[in-house]
Amino acid sequence: MRAESISRRTAETDVSVSIALDGTGKATIATGVGFLDHMLELFARHGLFDLEVKVTGDLHVDQHHTTEDAGIALGQAFLKALGDKRGIRRYADLHLPMDEALTRVAVDISGRPFLVFKTEFRVEKIGQFDTELVREWFQAFAMNAGITLHVETLYGDNAHHIAESCFKGLARALREAVAVDPREDGRVPSTKGSL
């Protein structure tokens, strides 16, 4: 089972994350930020990752540090759970519809972190959650997971649906990219021999 646990403590947050890549989608999430909890539950369910995330953060300031640090720790755990990446499919892409919203996600588990995020929100908040934090979470996750990630919402009106299509799209793409390809016969999917 490809699994890892990470603990990360700063003056702003105390984060613990456990992820199993070959799970069933079971999630136990407690960040103190309701919308982020919802998105991480979707991420686990649609990626079929078993995920535990617990964050105690400086929510008296705002939700930024909690959201960003959850992304950092989850990215670090994801990277470690992958190990040497032998046999994985590496690449995946898809279009994820969520009612009127449609988001395209493409991922390369490359070891070269990069994020292209072309998603806009017409409102500043979803409930109490700042919509600009969606990008902050994706940036933190991609950089720490060591993946190249492209996310583009092609259209959509409802901010909740747009955010949900991004998280579900990432989950589905990663589910495919981390899957073991029997044709690889345990090789690292790169002419360099490592990722």
Protein backbone atom coordinates (compact mmCIF):
# COMPACT_ATOMS: atom_id res chain seq x y z
CA MET A 1 0.00 0.00 0.00
CA ARG A 2 1.45 3.36 -1.05
CA ALA A 3 0.81 5.50 2.02
CA GLU A 4 2.47 8.26 4.01
CA SER A 5 1.88 10.52 7.00
CA ILE A 6 3.24 14.04 7.45
CA SER A 7 3.21 16.45 10.39
CA ARG A 8 3.99 20.11 9.89
CA ARG A 9 4.03 22.71 12.64
CA THR A 10 4.65 26.44 12.27
CA ALA A 11 3.81 29.49 14.36
CA GLU A 12 0.60 29.73 12.29
CA THR A 13 -0.62 26.15 11.95
CA ASP A 14 -0.29 22.60 13.22
CA VAL A 15 -1.07 20.14 10.41
CA SER A 16 -1.16 16.35 10.27
CA VAL A 17 -1.95 14.49 7.05
CA SER A 18 -2.14 10.80 6.16
CA ILE A 19 -2.82 9.57 2.64
CA ALA A 20 -3.12 6.12 1.10
CA LEU A 21 -3.05 6.26 -2.69
CA ASP A 22 -4.60 2.82 -3.14
CA GLY A 23 -7.57 3.41 -0.87
CA THR A 24 -11.33 3.49 -1.14
CA GLY A 25 -12.03 7.21 -0.79
CA LYS A 26 -12.49 7.23 2.98
CA ALA A 27 -11.90 10.68 4.48
CA THR A 28 -11.60 12.17 7.96
CA ILE A 29 -11.10 15.90 7.56
CA ALA A 30 -11.02 18.60 10.24
CA THR A 31 -9.39 21.87 9.20
CA GLY A 32 -11.74 24.29 10.94
CA VAL A 33 -12.68 25.63 7.49
CA GLY A 34 -15.96 24.05 6.41
CA PHE A 35 -15.63 24.64 2.67
CA LEU A 36 -12.05 23.33 2.61
CA ASP A 37 -13.20 20.22 4.51
CA HIS A 38 -15.86 19.67 1.84
CA MET A 39 -13.34 20.05 -1.02
CA LEU A 40 -10.86 17.65 0.61
CA GLU A 41 -13.61 15.08 1.18
CA LEU A 42 -14.43 15.32 -2.55
CA PHE A 43 -10.73 15.01 -3.39
CA ALA A 44 -10.45 11.80 -1.36
CA ARG A 45 -13.67 10.27 -2.67
CA HIS A 46 -13.06 10.95 -6.36
CA GLY A 47 -9.36 10.07 -6.20
CA LEU A 48 -10.10 6.92 -4.19
CA PHE A 49 -7.48 8.10 -1.72
CA ASP A 50 -7.88 7.32 1.97
CA LEU A 51 -7.22 10.68 3.57
CA GLU A 52 -6.93 12.09 7.07
CA VAL A 53 -6.29 15.80 7.50
CA LYS A 54 -6.27 17.68 10.78
CA VAL A 55 -5.34 21.34 11.01
CA THR A 56 -5.29 23.72 13.93
CA GLY A 57 -4.65 27.15 12.49
CA ASP A 58 -4.77 30.86 13.21
CA LEU A 59 -8.36 31.24 12.03
CA HIS A 60 -8.70 34.36 14.17
CA VAL A 61 -6.49 35.99 11.49
CA ASP A 62 -8.14 34.42 8.42
CA GLN A 63 -8.29 31.11 6.53
CA HIS A 64 -5.21 31.67 4.39
CA HIS A 65 -2.56 29.89 6.47
CA THR A 66 -4.81 26.93 7.24
CA THR A 67 -5.70 26.45 3.56
CA GLU A 68 -2.16 26.91 2.25
CA ASP A 69 -0.51 24.73 4.89
CA ALA A 70 -3.06 21.96 4.33
CA GLY A 71 -2.04 22.02 0.65
CA ILE A 72 1.66 21.98 1.52
CA ALA A 73 1.39 19.02 3.89
CA LEU A 74 -0.92 17.04 1.59
CA GLY A 75 1.46 17.63 -1.31
CA GLN A 76 4.41 16.42 0.76
CA ALA A 77 2.54 13.30 1.87
CA PHE A 78 1.40 12.58 -1.70
CA LEU A 79 4.99 12.85 -3.00
CA LYS A 80 6.37 10.54 -0.31
CA ALA A 81 3.56 8.02 -0.80
CA LEU A 82 4.51 7.74 -4.48
CA GLY A 83 7.99 6.49 -3.58
CA ASP A 84 10.21 6.06 -6.64
CA LYS A 85 7.15 6.22 -8.95
CA ARG A 86 7.93 2.90 -10.61
CA GLY A 87 5.17 1.64 -12.86
CA ILE A 88 2.83 4.63 -12.59
CA ARG A 89 1.02 5.99 -15.63
CA ARG A 90 2.40 9.46 -14.86
CA TYR A 91 0.13 11.53 -17.14
CA ALA A 92 -3.61 12.11 -17.09
CA ASP A 93 -6.11 14.68 -18.23
CA LEU A 94 -9.86 15.09 -18.26
CA HIS A 95 -12.78 17.47 -18.46
CA LEU A 96 -14.87 17.55 -15.28
CA PRO A 97 -18.44 18.86 -15.51
CA MET A 98 -20.21 20.16 -12.42
CA ASP A 99 -23.65 21.33 -13.45
CA GLU A 100 -23.06 24.48 -15.57
CA ALA A 101 -19.29 24.55 -14.90
CA LEU A 102 -16.68 22.68 -16.92
CA THR A 103 -13.02 22.44 -15.89
CA ARG A 104 -10.12 20.85 -17.73
CA VAL A 105 -7.32 19.34 -15.62
CA ALA A 106 -4.04 17.90 -16.91
CA VAL A 107 -1.33 16.47 -14.69
CA ASP A 108 2.20 15.15 -15.11
CA ILE A 109 3.81 13.49 -12.10
CA SER A 110 7.09 14.86 -13.33
CA GLY A 111 9.16 15.88 -10.33
CA ARG A 112 9.08 19.37 -11.89
CA PRO A 113 6.49 21.39 -9.98
CA PHE A 114 4.55 23.93 -11.99
CA LEU A 115 1.02 25.30 -11.85
CA VAL A 116 -1.05 26.93 -14.57
CA PHE A 117 -4.35 27.97 -13.00
CA LYS A 118 -6.85 29.66 -15.31
CA THR A 119 -9.96 29.78 -13.17
CA GLU A 120 -11.81 32.93 -12.22
CA PHE A 121 -14.49 33.53 -9.64
CA ARG A 122 -17.08 36.28 -10.00
CA VAL A 123 -17.52 36.52 -6.25
CA GLU A 124 -14.99 36.99 -3.47
CA LYS A 125 -16.46 34.40 -1.11
CA ILE A 126 -18.17 31.03 -1.08
CA GLY A 127 -19.92 31.26 2.26
CA GLN A 128 -17.08 32.40 4.54
CA PHE A 129 -14.33 31.02 2.27
CA ASP A 130 -12.26 33.45 0.18
CA THR A 131 -12.35 32.23 -3.42
CA GLU A 132 -8.74 33.37 -3.99
CA LEU A 133 -7.71 30.59 -1.58
CA VAL A 134 -8.67 27.93 -4.12
CA ARG A 135 -5.64 28.89 -6.19
CA GLU A 136 -3.47 29.13 -3.06
CA TRP A 137 -4.32 25.53 -2.16
CA PHE A 138 -3.60 24.28 -5.70
CA GLN A 139 -0.28 26.18 -5.76
CA ALA A 140 0.79 24.75 -2.39
CA PHE A 141 -0.23 21.21 -3.35
CA ALA A 142 1.40 21.20 -6.80
CA MET A 143 4.71 22.66 -5.60
CA ASN A 144 5.03 20.20 -2.73
CA ALA A 145 3.74 17.16 -4.64
CA GLY A 146 6.30 17.83 -7.40
CA ILE A 147 3.72 17.74 -10.17
CA THR A 148 3.08 19.80 -13.27
CA LEU A 149 -0.58 20.80 -13.06
CA HIS A 150 -2.80 22.69 -15.47
CA VAL A 151 -6.30 23.69 -14.34
CA GLU A 152 -8.59 25.72 -16.58
CA THR A 153 -12.27 26.38 -16.06
CA LEU A 154 -13.72 26.69 -19.54
CA TYR A 155 -17.00 28.13 -18.30
CA GLY A 156 -19.24 28.30 -15.27
CA ASP A 157 -21.31 30.71 -13.18
CA ASN A 158 -21.69 29.28 -9.68
CA ALA A 159 -18.50 29.70 -7.61
CA HIS A 160 -19.15 26.57 -5.56
CA HIS A 161 -19.56 24.50 -8.73
CA ILE A 162 -16.41 25.98 -10.26
CA ALA A 163 -14.30 25.20 -7.18
CA GLU A 164 -15.79 21.73 -6.91
CA SER A 165 -15.01 20.98 -10.56
CA CYS A 166 -11.37 21.95 -9.92
CA PHE A 167 -10.95 19.70 -6.88
CA LYS A 168 -12.85 16.77 -8.40
CA GLY A 169 -10.94 17.18 -11.66
CA LEU A 170 -7.61 17.07 -9.84
CA ALA A 171 -8.69 13.98 -7.89
CA ARG A 172 -9.78 12.12 -11.01
CA ALA A 173 -6.63 13.05 -12.93
CA LEU A 174 -4.36 12.00 -10.06
CA ARG A 175 -6.29 8.75 -9.65
CA GLU A 176 -5.41 7.91 -13.25
CA ALA A 177 -1.83 9.24 -13.13
CA VAL A 178 -0.83 7.28 -10.00
CA ALA A 179 -2.42 4.05 -11.24
CA VAL A 180 0.06 1.26 -11.87
CA ASP A 181 0.36 0.39 -15.55
CA PRO A 182 1.18 -3.32 -15.91
CA ARG A 183 2.83 -2.64 -19.27
CA GLU A 184 5.47 -0.53 -17.51
CA ASP A 185 6.64 -3.71 -15.76
CA GLY A 186 7.86 -1.73 -12.76
CA ARG A 187 9.87 0.78 -14.77
CA VAL A 188 9.96 4.50 -14.03
CA PRO A 189 7.99 6.15 -16.86
CA SER A 190 10.81 8.38 -18.10
CA THR A 191 13.74 7.99 -20.48
CA LYS A 192 15.87 9.56 -17.73
CA GLY A 193 15.20 6.61 -15.43
CA SER A 194 13.89 8.78 -12.58
CA LEU A 195 11.21 11.34 -11.89
